[in-house]
Amino acid sequence: MARAVLWDNDGVLVDTEALYFRATRETLDRVGVALDPQSFARISLGQGRSLFDLARDHGFDDEALAELRAERDQRYTEILREGVQVMPGVQDALESLYGRVPMAIVTSSKRDHFEEIHHHTRLLGFFDFVLTPDDYGSHKPHPEPYLTAAERLGVEPRDCVAVEDSERGVNSATTAGMICLAIPNELSRGGDLSRAHQILTNASEAADVIRLLVDRG
């Protein structure tokens, strides 16, 4: 049974994982710290750790790391302003589910980045609310983001379906006790998604599964 659907944002609704990787790689490269796609996937998308741990390993202190993060965040904003693509099938999937089941976004994106991402997507009208890191304490893969969303909806976690793309997201949702559908992308598909209930190729497939679960309720 599904009484609510919780969507991850980056890599699920919008094609931004590669943009975030680009901004972080450019920032670290400037100070001589290499970041490749495999390390990005393992550290960020898999473990949910800061990519600036790589810089810490090279002797950067907290003050220097804070400056690097600020530089990366500014660069990411600049890249986002060049344009963001909605992932294939998302628009149709959301239209098919809208009004049938409550939906929310549970994202690890900072609020200002999230707002920049969706400045032109026209997707936010499909959702009841959005949770960013301002709204919870522990980040994915901790279950708190998804548990917070379920509590706000007034729905038991077991009655929620989460749609994720990464190992950390799948682990967050399933640890919260939710059904999780995984839609891996080029950067995240190498992660361990074994805890997902189904691994799909796009949002249209996810919507088909969700409609079946909603109808069973």
N, C-alpha and C. Protein backbone atom coordinates (compact mmCIF):
# COMPACT_ATOMS: atom_id res chain seq x y z
N MET A 1 0.85 -1.19 0.00
CA MET A 1 0.00 0.00 0.00
C MET A 1 0.88 1.24 0.00
N ALA A 2 0.47 2.27 -0.73
CA ALA A 2 1.19 3.54 -0.74
C ALA A 2 0.23 4.67 -0.44
N ARG A 3 0.53 5.43 0.59
CA ARG A 3 -0.29 6.59 0.95
C ARG A 3 0.44 7.89 0.74
N ALA A 4 1.72 7.83 0.38
CA ALA A 4 2.51 9.03 0.10
C ALA A 4 3.73 8.64 -0.72
N VAL A 5 4.20 9.59 -1.53
CA VAL A 5 5.39 9.36 -2.35
C VAL A 5 6.39 10.47 -2.05
N LEU A 6 7.61 10.08 -1.75
CA LEU A 6 8.68 11.01 -1.41
C LEU A 6 9.78 10.89 -2.45
N TRP A 7 10.06 11.99 -3.11
CA TRP A 7 11.02 12.01 -4.20
C TRP A 7 12.33 12.66 -3.77
N ASP A 8 13.43 12.00 -4.08
CA ASP A 8 14.72 12.68 -4.04
C ASP A 8 14.73 13.69 -5.18
N ASN A 9 15.63 14.64 -5.11
CA ASN A 9 15.68 15.70 -6.12
C ASN A 9 16.79 15.48 -7.15
N ASP A 10 18.03 15.59 -6.69
CA ASP A 10 19.17 15.55 -7.60
C ASP A 10 19.40 14.15 -8.15
N GLY A 11 19.37 14.04 -9.47
CA GLY A 11 19.56 12.75 -10.10
C GLY A 11 18.28 11.98 -10.30
N VAL A 12 17.18 12.42 -9.67
CA VAL A 12 15.87 11.77 -9.82
C VAL A 12 14.91 12.68 -10.57
N LEU A 13 14.70 13.88 -10.04
CA LEU A 13 13.83 14.85 -10.71
C LEU A 13 14.60 15.69 -11.73
N VAL A 14 15.82 16.03 -11.39
CA VAL A 14 16.63 16.91 -12.22
C VAL A 14 18.03 16.35 -12.40
N ASP A 15 18.61 16.67 -13.54
CA ASP A 15 19.92 16.12 -13.91
C ASP A 15 21.03 17.03 -13.39
N THR A 16 21.26 16.98 -12.08
CA THR A 16 22.20 17.91 -11.45
C THR A 16 23.39 17.24 -10.78
N GLU A 17 23.40 15.92 -10.64
CA GLU A 17 24.52 15.26 -9.98
C GLU A 17 25.84 15.60 -10.68
N ALA A 18 25.84 15.55 -12.01
CA ALA A 18 27.07 15.83 -12.76
C ALA A 18 27.48 17.29 -12.61
N LEU A 19 26.52 18.19 -12.43
CA LEU A 19 26.82 19.61 -12.26
C LEU A 19 27.48 19.86 -10.90
N TYR A 20 26.98 19.18 -9.88
CA TYR A 20 27.57 19.29 -8.54
C TYR A 20 28.98 18.70 -8.53
N PHE A 21 29.14 17.58 -9.21
CA PHE A 21 30.47 16.98 -9.33
C PHE A 21 31.42 17.96 -10.02
N ARG A 22 30.96 18.58 -11.09
CA ARG A 22 31.81 19.53 -11.83
C ARG A 22 32.25 20.69 -10.95
N ALA A 23 31.31 21.27 -10.21
CA ALA A 23 31.65 22.40 -9.35
C ALA A 23 32.66 22.01 -8.27
N THR A 24 32.47 20.83 -7.69
CA THR A 24 33.37 20.37 -6.63
C THR A 24 34.73 20.01 -7.19
N ARG A 25 34.75 19.35 -8.33
CA ARG A 25 36.04 18.98 -8.95
C ARG A 25 36.83 20.22 -9.31
N GLU A 26 36.19 21.22 -9.90
CA GLU A 26 36.90 22.44 -10.27
C GLU A 26 37.48 23.13 -9.04
N THR A 27 36.72 23.15 -7.95
CA THR A 27 37.19 23.80 -6.72
C THR A 27 38.38 23.08 -6.13
N LEU A 28 38.29 21.76 -6.04
CA LEU A 28 39.39 20.98 -5.48
C LEU A 28 40.61 20.99 -6.38
N ASP A 29 40.38 20.97 -7.67
CA ASP A 29 41.49 20.99 -8.62
C ASP A 29 42.33 22.25 -8.46
N ARG A 30 41.69 23.36 -8.12
CA ARG A 30 42.40 24.62 -7.97
C ARG A 30 43.44 24.56 -6.86
N VAL A 31 43.22 23.69 -5.86
CA VAL A 31 44.17 23.58 -4.75
C VAL A 31 44.95 22.27 -4.82
N GLY A 32 44.92 21.63 -5.99
CA GLY A 32 45.76 20.46 -6.20
C GLY A 32 45.23 19.17 -5.63
N VAL A 33 43.92 19.08 -5.40
CA VAL A 33 43.30 17.86 -4.89
C VAL A 33 42.44 17.25 -5.99
N ALA A 34 42.74 16.02 -6.37
CA ALA A 34 42.05 15.38 -7.49
C ALA A 34 40.73 14.76 -7.03
N LEU A 35 39.71 14.89 -7.87
CA LEU A 35 38.42 14.24 -7.63
C LEU A 35 37.97 13.59 -8.92
N ASP A 36 37.79 12.27 -8.89
CA ASP A 36 37.31 11.56 -10.07
C ASP A 36 35.88 11.09 -9.83
N PRO A 37 35.16 10.68 -10.89
CA PRO A 37 33.77 10.26 -10.72
C PRO A 37 33.59 9.11 -9.74
N GLN A 38 34.55 8.19 -9.71
CA GLN A 38 34.44 7.04 -8.82
C GLN A 38 34.51 7.48 -7.35
N SER A 39 35.41 8.40 -7.04
CA SER A 39 35.52 8.90 -5.66
C SER A 39 34.28 9.70 -5.28
N PHE A 40 33.78 10.50 -6.23
CA PHE A 40 32.54 11.25 -5.98
C PHE A 40 31.40 10.31 -5.63
N ALA A 41 31.26 9.25 -6.42
CA ALA A 41 30.17 8.30 -6.19
C ALA A 41 30.34 7.58 -4.85
N ARG A 42 31.56 7.18 -4.54
CA ARG A 42 31.79 6.43 -3.31
C ARG A 42 31.61 7.30 -2.07
N ILE A 43 32.21 8.50 -2.07
CA ILE A 43 32.21 9.34 -0.88
C ILE A 43 30.88 10.05 -0.69
N SER A 44 30.38 10.69 -1.73
CA SER A 44 29.18 11.50 -1.60
C SER A 44 27.91 10.68 -1.79
N LEU A 45 27.78 10.02 -2.95
CA LEU A 45 26.55 9.30 -3.25
C LEU A 45 26.43 7.99 -2.49
N GLY A 46 27.55 7.43 -2.10
CA GLY A 46 27.51 6.17 -1.36
C GLY A 46 27.46 6.36 0.15
N GLN A 47 28.46 7.07 0.66
CA GLN A 47 28.61 7.20 2.10
C GLN A 47 27.94 8.45 2.68
N GLY A 48 27.62 9.41 1.83
CA GLY A 48 27.02 10.64 2.32
C GLY A 48 28.00 11.52 3.08
N ARG A 49 29.29 11.38 2.78
CA ARG A 49 30.33 12.18 3.44
C ARG A 49 30.66 13.40 2.60
N SER A 50 31.30 14.37 3.24
CA SER A 50 31.74 15.57 2.54
C SER A 50 32.91 15.24 1.61
N LEU A 51 32.84 15.74 0.40
CA LEU A 51 33.94 15.56 -0.54
C LEU A 51 35.17 16.34 -0.12
N PHE A 52 34.99 17.29 0.76
CA PHE A 52 36.13 18.07 1.22
C PHE A 52 36.97 17.33 2.26
N ASP A 53 36.54 16.11 2.62
CA ASP A 53 37.41 15.24 3.40
C ASP A 53 38.70 14.95 2.63
N LEU A 54 38.60 14.97 1.29
CA LEU A 54 39.80 14.76 0.48
C LEU A 54 40.81 15.88 0.70
N ALA A 55 40.31 17.10 0.84
CA ALA A 55 41.19 18.24 1.10
C ALA A 55 41.74 18.18 2.52
N ARG A 56 40.89 17.73 3.46
CA ARG A 56 41.38 17.58 4.84
C ARG A 56 42.55 16.61 4.89
N ASP A 57 42.45 15.54 4.10
CA ASP A 57 43.54 14.56 4.05
C ASP A 57 44.83 15.16 3.49
N HIS A 58 44.71 16.28 2.79
CA HIS A 58 45.89 16.97 2.25
C HIS A 58 46.35 18.11 3.16
N GLY A 59 45.81 18.17 4.39
CA GLY A 59 46.32 19.12 5.37
C GLY A 59 45.54 20.40 5.50
N PHE A 60 44.40 20.54 4.83
CA PHE A 60 43.60 21.75 4.94
C PHE A 60 42.87 21.76 6.28
N ASP A 61 42.91 22.90 6.97
CA ASP A 61 42.22 22.99 8.26
C ASP A 61 40.77 23.43 8.07
N ASP A 62 40.03 23.54 9.18
CA ASP A 62 38.60 23.84 9.11
C ASP A 62 38.33 25.17 8.42
N GLU A 63 39.14 26.18 8.70
CA GLU A 63 38.92 27.48 8.08
C GLU A 63 39.12 27.41 6.57
N ALA A 64 40.15 26.72 6.14
CA ALA A 64 40.40 26.58 4.71
C ALA A 64 39.30 25.77 4.04
N LEU A 65 38.81 24.74 4.72
CA LEU A 65 37.72 23.92 4.16
C LEU A 65 36.45 24.75 4.01
N ALA A 66 36.16 25.59 4.98
CA ALA A 66 34.98 26.44 4.89
C ALA A 66 35.08 27.38 3.69
N GLU A 67 36.27 27.90 3.44
CA GLU A 67 36.46 28.78 2.28
C GLU A 67 36.27 28.01 0.98
N LEU A 68 36.76 26.79 0.95
CA LEU A 68 36.60 25.96 -0.25
C LEU A 68 35.13 25.63 -0.49
N ARG A 69 34.41 25.31 0.57
CA ARG A 69 32.98 25.01 0.42
C ARG A 69 32.22 26.23 -0.12
N ALA A 70 32.55 27.39 0.40
CA ALA A 70 31.88 28.61 -0.07
C ALA A 70 32.19 28.85 -1.54
N GLU A 71 33.43 28.61 -1.92
CA GLU A 71 33.81 28.77 -3.33
C GLU A 71 33.07 27.77 -4.20
N ARG A 72 33.00 26.51 -3.75
CA ARG A 72 32.27 25.49 -4.51
C ARG A 72 30.80 25.85 -4.63
N ASP A 73 30.20 26.29 -3.54
CA ASP A 73 28.78 26.63 -3.56
C ASP A 73 28.50 27.75 -4.56
N GLN A 74 29.39 28.75 -4.60
CA GLN A 74 29.21 29.84 -5.55
C GLN A 74 29.36 29.34 -6.99
N ARG A 75 30.35 28.48 -7.20
CA ARG A 75 30.55 27.93 -8.54
C ARG A 75 29.36 27.08 -8.96
N TYR A 76 28.82 26.31 -8.04
CA TYR A 76 27.65 25.48 -8.34
C TYR A 76 26.46 26.37 -8.74
N THR A 77 26.25 27.45 -8.03
CA THR A 77 25.18 28.38 -8.38
C THR A 77 25.37 28.90 -9.80
N GLU A 78 26.60 29.26 -10.14
CA GLU A 78 26.89 29.77 -11.49
C GLU A 78 26.56 28.72 -12.55
N ILE A 79 26.92 27.48 -12.27
CA ILE A 79 26.66 26.40 -13.23
C ILE A 79 25.15 26.16 -13.36
N LEU A 80 24.44 26.17 -12.25
CA LEU A 80 23.00 25.98 -12.29
C LEU A 80 22.32 27.05 -13.13
N ARG A 81 22.84 28.25 -13.09
CA ARG A 81 22.24 29.34 -13.85
C ARG A 81 22.43 29.17 -15.36
N GLU A 82 23.32 28.26 -15.75
CA GLU A 82 23.48 27.97 -17.17
C GLU A 82 22.33 27.10 -17.69
N GLY A 83 21.57 26.49 -16.77
CA GLY A 83 20.42 25.69 -17.16
C GLY A 83 20.44 24.31 -16.55
N VAL A 84 19.26 23.83 -16.17
CA VAL A 84 19.10 22.52 -15.54
C VAL A 84 18.06 21.73 -16.35
N GLN A 85 18.36 20.47 -16.61
CA GLN A 85 17.45 19.62 -17.35
C GLN A 85 16.62 18.75 -16.40
N VAL A 86 15.32 18.65 -16.66
CA VAL A 86 14.46 17.71 -15.94
C VAL A 86 14.77 16.31 -16.46
N MET A 87 14.80 15.34 -15.56
CA MET A 87 15.12 13.96 -15.95
C MET A 87 14.01 13.38 -16.84
N PRO A 88 14.37 12.46 -17.73
CA PRO A 88 13.37 11.88 -18.65
C PRO A 88 12.20 11.24 -17.90
N GLY A 89 11.01 11.52 -18.37
CA GLY A 89 9.80 10.89 -17.83
C GLY A 89 9.24 11.54 -16.59
N VAL A 90 9.95 12.49 -16.00
CA VAL A 90 9.52 13.06 -14.72
C VAL A 90 8.22 13.84 -14.85
N GLN A 91 8.13 14.71 -15.83
CA GLN A 91 6.93 15.53 -15.99
C GLN A 91 5.69 14.66 -16.12
N ASP A 92 5.73 13.68 -17.00
CA ASP A 92 4.57 12.80 -17.21
C ASP A 92 4.27 11.98 -15.96
N ALA A 93 5.33 11.53 -15.28
CA ALA A 93 5.13 10.73 -14.07
C ALA A 93 4.41 11.54 -12.99
N LEU A 94 4.85 12.75 -12.78
CA LEU A 94 4.24 13.60 -11.76
C LEU A 94 2.80 13.95 -12.13
N GLU A 95 2.56 14.23 -13.39
CA GLU A 95 1.20 14.53 -13.82
C GLU A 95 0.27 13.35 -13.59
N SER A 96 0.78 12.13 -13.81
CA SER A 96 -0.07 10.94 -13.65
C SER A 96 -0.38 10.64 -12.19
N LEU A 97 0.47 11.11 -11.27
CA LEU A 97 0.28 10.82 -9.85
C LEU A 97 -0.38 11.98 -9.09
N TYR A 98 -0.31 13.16 -9.65
CA TYR A 98 -0.82 14.34 -8.95
C TYR A 98 -2.31 14.21 -8.67
N GLY A 99 -2.68 14.44 -7.41
CA GLY A 99 -4.07 14.35 -7.00
C GLY A 99 -4.49 12.96 -6.55
N ARG A 100 -3.67 11.97 -6.86
CA ARG A 100 -3.99 10.60 -6.44
C ARG A 100 -3.33 10.25 -5.11
N VAL A 101 -2.20 10.90 -4.83
CA VAL A 101 -1.44 10.56 -3.63
C VAL A 101 -0.61 11.78 -3.24
N PRO A 102 -0.48 12.09 -1.94
CA PRO A 102 0.38 13.20 -1.53
C PRO A 102 1.83 12.94 -1.94
N MET A 103 2.52 14.01 -2.34
CA MET A 103 3.92 13.87 -2.75
C MET A 103 4.74 15.01 -2.16
N ALA A 104 5.99 14.68 -1.82
CA ALA A 104 6.92 15.68 -1.28
C ALA A 104 8.31 15.39 -1.82
N ILE A 105 9.18 16.38 -1.71
CA ILE A 105 10.58 16.23 -2.09
C ILE A 105 11.42 16.20 -0.83
N VAL A 106 12.35 15.24 -0.76
CA VAL A 106 13.29 15.13 0.36
C VAL A 106 14.69 15.22 -0.24
N THR A 107 15.32 16.38 -0.10
CA THR A 107 16.57 16.64 -0.81
C THR A 107 17.71 16.97 0.14
N SER A 108 18.92 16.68 -0.31
CA SER A 108 20.13 17.08 0.41
C SER A 108 20.66 18.41 -0.10
N SER A 109 20.03 18.97 -1.13
CA SER A 109 20.46 20.26 -1.66
C SER A 109 20.19 21.38 -0.66
N LYS A 110 21.11 22.33 -0.61
CA LYS A 110 20.85 23.52 0.19
C LYS A 110 19.66 24.27 -0.39
N ARG A 111 18.96 24.99 0.46
CA ARG A 111 17.73 25.66 0.04
C ARG A 111 17.97 26.61 -1.13
N ASP A 112 19.06 27.39 -1.09
CA ASP A 112 19.28 28.35 -2.18
C ASP A 112 19.59 27.64 -3.49
N HIS A 113 20.33 26.53 -3.42
CA HIS A 113 20.59 25.77 -4.63
C HIS A 113 19.31 25.13 -5.16
N PHE A 114 18.51 24.60 -4.25
CA PHE A 114 17.25 23.98 -4.65
C PHE A 114 16.37 24.99 -5.38
N GLU A 115 16.28 26.18 -4.85
CA GLU A 115 15.44 27.20 -5.48
C GLU A 115 15.99 27.60 -6.84
N GLU A 116 17.31 27.66 -6.96
CA GLU A 116 17.92 27.96 -8.26
C GLU A 116 17.64 26.85 -9.25
N ILE A 117 17.75 25.61 -8.81
CA ILE A 117 17.49 24.46 -9.68
C ILE A 117 16.09 24.53 -10.27
N HIS A 118 15.12 24.87 -9.44
CA HIS A 118 13.72 24.80 -9.87
C HIS A 118 13.16 26.15 -10.33
N HIS A 119 14.05 27.06 -10.62
CA HIS A 119 13.61 28.39 -11.05
C HIS A 119 12.75 28.32 -12.32
N HIS A 120 13.08 27.34 -13.19
CA HIS A 120 12.36 27.24 -14.46
C HIS A 120 11.77 25.84 -14.72
N THR A 121 11.83 24.92 -13.76
CA THR A 121 11.39 23.55 -14.05
C THR A 121 9.87 23.38 -14.06
N ARG A 122 9.17 24.21 -13.31
CA ARG A 122 7.71 24.11 -13.18
C ARG A 122 7.25 22.79 -12.57
N LEU A 123 8.09 22.21 -11.74
CA LEU A 123 7.75 20.93 -11.10
C LEU A 123 7.17 21.10 -9.70
N LEU A 124 7.44 22.20 -9.04
CA LEU A 124 7.14 22.28 -7.61
C LEU A 124 5.65 22.29 -7.31
N GLY A 125 4.82 22.65 -8.27
CA GLY A 125 3.39 22.65 -8.05
C GLY A 125 2.79 21.27 -7.83
N PHE A 126 3.55 20.23 -8.15
CA PHE A 126 3.06 18.87 -7.95
C PHE A 126 3.22 18.40 -6.50
N PHE A 127 3.96 19.15 -5.68
CA PHE A 127 4.36 18.65 -4.36
C PHE A 127 3.70 19.41 -3.22
N ASP A 128 3.43 18.68 -2.14
CA ASP A 128 2.84 19.28 -0.95
C ASP A 128 3.85 20.14 -0.20
N PHE A 129 5.12 19.69 -0.16
CA PHE A 129 6.17 20.46 0.50
C PHE A 129 7.52 19.91 0.08
N VAL A 130 8.55 20.64 0.48
CA VAL A 130 9.94 20.26 0.21
C VAL A 130 10.71 20.29 1.52
N LEU A 131 11.51 19.27 1.77
CA LEU A 131 12.43 19.26 2.91
C LEU A 131 13.85 19.39 2.39
N THR A 132 14.57 20.41 2.88
CA THR A 132 15.99 20.58 2.61
C THR A 132 16.74 20.38 3.93
N PRO A 133 18.07 20.41 3.93
CA PRO A 133 18.80 20.23 5.20
C PRO A 133 18.44 21.23 6.29
N ASP A 134 17.81 22.35 5.94
CA ASP A 134 17.35 23.28 6.98
C ASP A 134 16.24 22.68 7.84
N ASP A 135 15.61 21.60 7.34
CA ASP A 135 14.42 21.04 7.98
C ASP A 135 14.69 19.77 8.79
N TYR A 136 15.91 19.29 8.76
CA TYR A 136 16.25 18.08 9.52
C TYR A 136 17.70 18.17 9.98
N GLY A 137 18.09 17.26 10.87
CA GLY A 137 19.43 17.30 11.43
C GLY A 137 20.42 16.43 10.68
N SER A 138 20.29 15.12 10.83
CA SER A 138 21.21 14.18 10.18
C SER A 138 20.84 13.99 8.71
N HIS A 139 21.87 13.90 7.89
CA HIS A 139 21.67 13.79 6.45
C HIS A 139 21.60 12.32 6.02
N LYS A 140 21.11 12.07 4.82
CA LYS A 140 21.18 10.74 4.23
C LYS A 140 22.65 10.28 4.24
N PRO A 141 22.94 9.03 4.59
CA PRO A 141 22.06 7.86 4.65
C PRO A 141 21.30 7.66 5.97
N HIS A 142 21.39 8.60 6.90
CA HIS A 142 20.58 8.52 8.12
C HIS A 142 19.10 8.58 7.72
N PRO A 143 18.23 7.90 8.43
CA PRO A 143 16.80 7.90 8.06
C PRO A 143 16.05 9.17 8.42
N GLU A 144 16.66 10.07 9.18
CA GLU A 144 15.93 11.24 9.68
C GLU A 144 15.22 12.05 8.60
N PRO A 145 15.85 12.31 7.43
CA PRO A 145 15.12 13.11 6.43
C PRO A 145 13.79 12.49 6.03
N TYR A 146 13.78 11.18 5.82
CA TYR A 146 12.53 10.52 5.41
C TYR A 146 11.55 10.37 6.56
N LEU A 147 12.05 10.12 7.75
CA LEU A 147 11.16 10.04 8.90
C LEU A 147 10.49 11.39 9.17
N THR A 148 11.25 12.48 8.97
CA THR A 148 10.70 13.81 9.14
C THR A 148 9.58 14.07 8.14
N ALA A 149 9.79 13.63 6.90
CA ALA A 149 8.76 13.82 5.86
C ALA A 149 7.50 13.03 6.18
N ALA A 150 7.65 11.79 6.62
CA ALA A 150 6.49 10.97 6.95
C ALA A 150 5.70 11.58 8.10
N GLU A 151 6.41 12.06 9.11
CA GLU A 151 5.74 12.68 10.26
C GLU A 151 4.97 13.92 9.81
N ARG A 152 5.57 14.71 8.95
CA ARG A 152 4.89 15.93 8.49
C ARG A 152 3.63 15.60 7.69
N LEU A 153 3.67 14.49 6.94
CA LEU A 153 2.51 14.07 6.17
C LEU A 153 1.46 13.37 7.03
N GLY A 154 1.85 12.94 8.22
CA GLY A 154 0.95 12.17 9.06
C GLY A 154 0.72 10.77 8.55
N VAL A 155 1.76 10.20 7.93
CA VAL A 155 1.68 8.86 7.33
C VAL A 155 2.76 7.98 7.94
N GLU A 156 2.42 6.73 8.20
CA GLU A 156 3.41 5.79 8.71
C GLU A 156 4.49 5.56 7.63
N PRO A 157 5.77 5.47 8.03
CA PRO A 157 6.83 5.23 7.05
C PRO A 157 6.58 4.02 6.16
N ARG A 158 5.99 2.97 6.72
CA ARG A 158 5.76 1.75 5.93
C ARG A 158 4.75 2.00 4.80
N ASP A 159 4.00 3.09 4.88
CA ASP A 159 3.01 3.41 3.85
C ASP A 159 3.53 4.45 2.85
N CYS A 160 4.83 4.70 2.91
CA CYS A 160 5.46 5.67 2.00
C CYS A 160 6.32 4.96 0.97
N VAL A 161 6.35 5.50 -0.23
CA VAL A 161 7.27 5.06 -1.29
C VAL A 161 8.26 6.18 -1.52
N ALA A 162 9.54 5.86 -1.47
CA ALA A 162 10.60 6.82 -1.77
C ALA A 162 11.20 6.47 -3.13
N VAL A 163 11.53 7.51 -3.88
CA VAL A 163 12.17 7.33 -5.18
C VAL A 163 13.56 7.96 -5.10
N GLU A 164 14.56 7.13 -5.27
CA GLU A 164 15.95 7.55 -5.05
C GLU A 164 16.84 7.14 -6.23
N ASP A 165 18.06 7.67 -6.25
CA ASP A 165 19.01 7.31 -7.29
C ASP A 165 20.32 6.76 -6.74
N SER A 166 20.59 6.97 -5.45
CA SER A 166 21.92 6.68 -4.92
C SER A 166 21.87 5.70 -3.76
N GLU A 167 23.03 5.16 -3.45
CA GLU A 167 23.17 4.24 -2.33
C GLU A 167 22.78 4.90 -1.02
N ARG A 168 23.27 6.12 -0.79
CA ARG A 168 22.94 6.79 0.47
C ARG A 168 21.44 7.06 0.59
N GLY A 169 20.81 7.41 -0.52
CA GLY A 169 19.39 7.67 -0.49
C GLY A 169 18.56 6.43 -0.26
N VAL A 170 18.94 5.34 -0.94
CA VAL A 170 18.25 4.06 -0.74
C VAL A 170 18.37 3.62 0.71
N ASN A 171 19.57 3.73 1.27
CA ASN A 171 19.76 3.31 2.66
C ASN A 171 18.98 4.19 3.63
N SER A 172 18.89 5.47 3.34
CA SER A 172 18.11 6.38 4.19
C SER A 172 16.64 5.97 4.20
N ALA A 173 16.09 5.76 3.02
CA ALA A 173 14.66 5.44 2.91
C ALA A 173 14.32 4.08 3.50
N THR A 174 15.13 3.08 3.20
CA THR A 174 14.82 1.73 3.68
C THR A 174 15.06 1.61 5.18
N THR A 175 16.05 2.29 5.71
CA THR A 175 16.25 2.29 7.15
C THR A 175 15.07 2.95 7.85
N ALA A 176 14.45 3.91 7.18
CA ALA A 176 13.24 4.54 7.72
C ALA A 176 12.03 3.62 7.65
N GLY A 177 12.16 2.51 6.95
CA GLY A 177 11.06 1.55 6.86
C GLY A 177 10.17 1.73 5.65
N MET A 178 10.66 2.43 4.64
CA MET A 178 9.85 2.72 3.46
C MET A 178 10.15 1.78 2.30
N ILE A 179 9.20 1.65 1.40
CA ILE A 179 9.46 1.04 0.11
C ILE A 179 10.32 2.01 -0.68
N CYS A 180 11.36 1.51 -1.33
CA CYS A 180 12.23 2.39 -2.09
C CYS A 180 12.41 1.89 -3.52
N LEU A 181 12.14 2.75 -4.48
CA LEU A 181 12.38 2.49 -5.88
C LEU A 181 13.63 3.26 -6.28
N ALA A 182 14.57 2.58 -6.89
CA ALA A 182 15.83 3.21 -7.28
C ALA A 182 15.89 3.42 -8.78
N ILE A 183 16.31 4.63 -9.17
CA ILE A 183 16.53 4.95 -10.58
C ILE A 183 17.97 5.43 -10.70
N PRO A 184 18.92 4.54 -10.81
CA PRO A 184 20.33 4.95 -10.86
C PRO A 184 20.65 5.72 -12.13
N ASN A 185 21.61 6.63 -12.02
CA ASN A 185 22.10 7.37 -13.17
C ASN A 185 23.57 7.05 -13.40
N GLU A 186 24.18 7.75 -14.32
CA GLU A 186 25.56 7.42 -14.70
C GLU A 186 26.52 7.47 -13.53
N LEU A 187 26.35 8.42 -12.63
CA LEU A 187 27.25 8.54 -11.49
C LEU A 187 26.92 7.59 -10.36
N SER A 188 25.64 7.26 -10.17
CA SER A 188 25.23 6.49 -8.99
C SER A 188 25.07 5.00 -9.23
N ARG A 189 25.05 4.56 -10.48
CA ARG A 189 24.70 3.17 -10.74
C ARG A 189 25.74 2.17 -10.24
N GLY A 190 26.94 2.63 -9.93
CA GLY A 190 27.95 1.72 -9.40
C GLY A 190 27.83 1.47 -7.92
N GLY A 191 26.91 2.16 -7.24
CA GLY A 191 26.73 1.98 -5.81
C GLY A 191 25.95 0.72 -5.48
N ASP A 192 25.92 0.40 -4.19
CA ASP A 192 25.18 -0.77 -3.71
C ASP A 192 23.72 -0.38 -3.51
N LEU A 193 22.88 -0.77 -4.45
CA LEU A 193 21.46 -0.46 -4.39
C LEU A 193 20.64 -1.68 -4.02
N SER A 194 21.28 -2.66 -3.39
CA SER A 194 20.63 -3.95 -3.14
C SER A 194 19.45 -3.83 -2.17
N ARG A 195 19.40 -2.78 -1.37
CA ARG A 195 18.29 -2.64 -0.43
C ARG A 195 17.04 -2.05 -1.09
N ALA A 196 17.17 -1.55 -2.31
CA ALA A 196 16.00 -1.04 -3.02
C ALA A 196 15.03 -2.18 -3.32
N HIS A 197 13.75 -1.88 -3.29
CA HIS A 197 12.74 -2.91 -3.58
C HIS A 197 12.67 -3.19 -5.08
N GLN A 198 12.91 -2.19 -5.89
CA GLN A 198 13.01 -2.38 -7.34
C GLN A 198 14.01 -1.38 -7.88
N ILE A 199 14.75 -1.80 -8.92
CA ILE A 199 15.66 -0.90 -9.62
C ILE A 199 15.08 -0.68 -11.01
N LEU A 200 14.82 0.58 -11.33
CA LEU A 200 14.12 0.96 -12.56
C LEU A 200 15.02 1.84 -13.42
N THR A 201 14.53 2.19 -14.61
CA THR A 201 15.36 2.97 -15.53
C THR A 201 14.92 4.42 -15.66
N ASN A 202 13.68 4.74 -15.28
CA ASN A 202 13.22 6.12 -15.40
C ASN A 202 11.99 6.37 -14.52
N ALA A 203 11.59 7.62 -14.46
CA ALA A 203 10.47 8.00 -13.59
C ALA A 203 9.14 7.45 -14.08
N SER A 204 9.00 7.25 -15.38
CA SER A 204 7.76 6.67 -15.90
C SER A 204 7.53 5.28 -15.34
N GLU A 205 8.58 4.47 -15.28
CA GLU A 205 8.46 3.14 -14.69
C GLU A 205 8.11 3.24 -13.22
N ALA A 206 8.73 4.20 -12.52
CA ALA A 206 8.42 4.38 -11.11
C ALA A 206 6.95 4.73 -10.91
N ALA A 207 6.42 5.59 -11.76
CA ALA A 207 5.01 5.98 -11.65
C ALA A 207 4.09 4.79 -11.86
N ASP A 208 4.45 3.90 -12.78
CA ASP A 208 3.64 2.70 -13.01
C ASP A 208 3.57 1.84 -11.75
N VAL A 209 4.73 1.66 -11.10
CA VAL A 209 4.77 0.86 -9.87
C VAL A 209 3.98 1.55 -8.77
N ILE A 210 4.16 2.85 -8.64
CA ILE A 210 3.47 3.60 -7.58
C ILE A 210 1.96 3.54 -7.74
N ARG A 211 1.48 3.66 -8.97
CA ARG A 211 0.03 3.59 -9.18
C ARG A 211 -0.53 2.24 -8.75
N LEU A 212 0.20 1.18 -9.00
CA LEU A 212 -0.22 -0.14 -8.55
C LEU A 212 -0.29 -0.20 -7.03
N LEU A 213 0.71 0.36 -6.37
CA LEU A 213 0.74 0.34 -4.90
C LEU A 213 -0.37 1.21 -4.32
N VAL A 214 -0.66 2.33 -4.96
CA VAL A 214 -1.74 3.20 -4.48
C VAL A 214 -3.09 2.49 -4.65
N ASP A 215 -3.29 1.85 -5.78
CA ASP A 215 -4.56 1.17 -6.04
C ASP A 215 -4.81 0.01 -5.08
N ARG A 216 -3.73 -0.62 -4.62
CA ARG A 216 -3.87 -1.72 -3.67
C ARG A 216 -4.38 -1.22 -2.31
N GLY A 217 -4.13 0.08 -2.05
CA GLY A 217 -4.55 0.63 -0.76
C GLY A 217 -6.03 0.83 -0.65
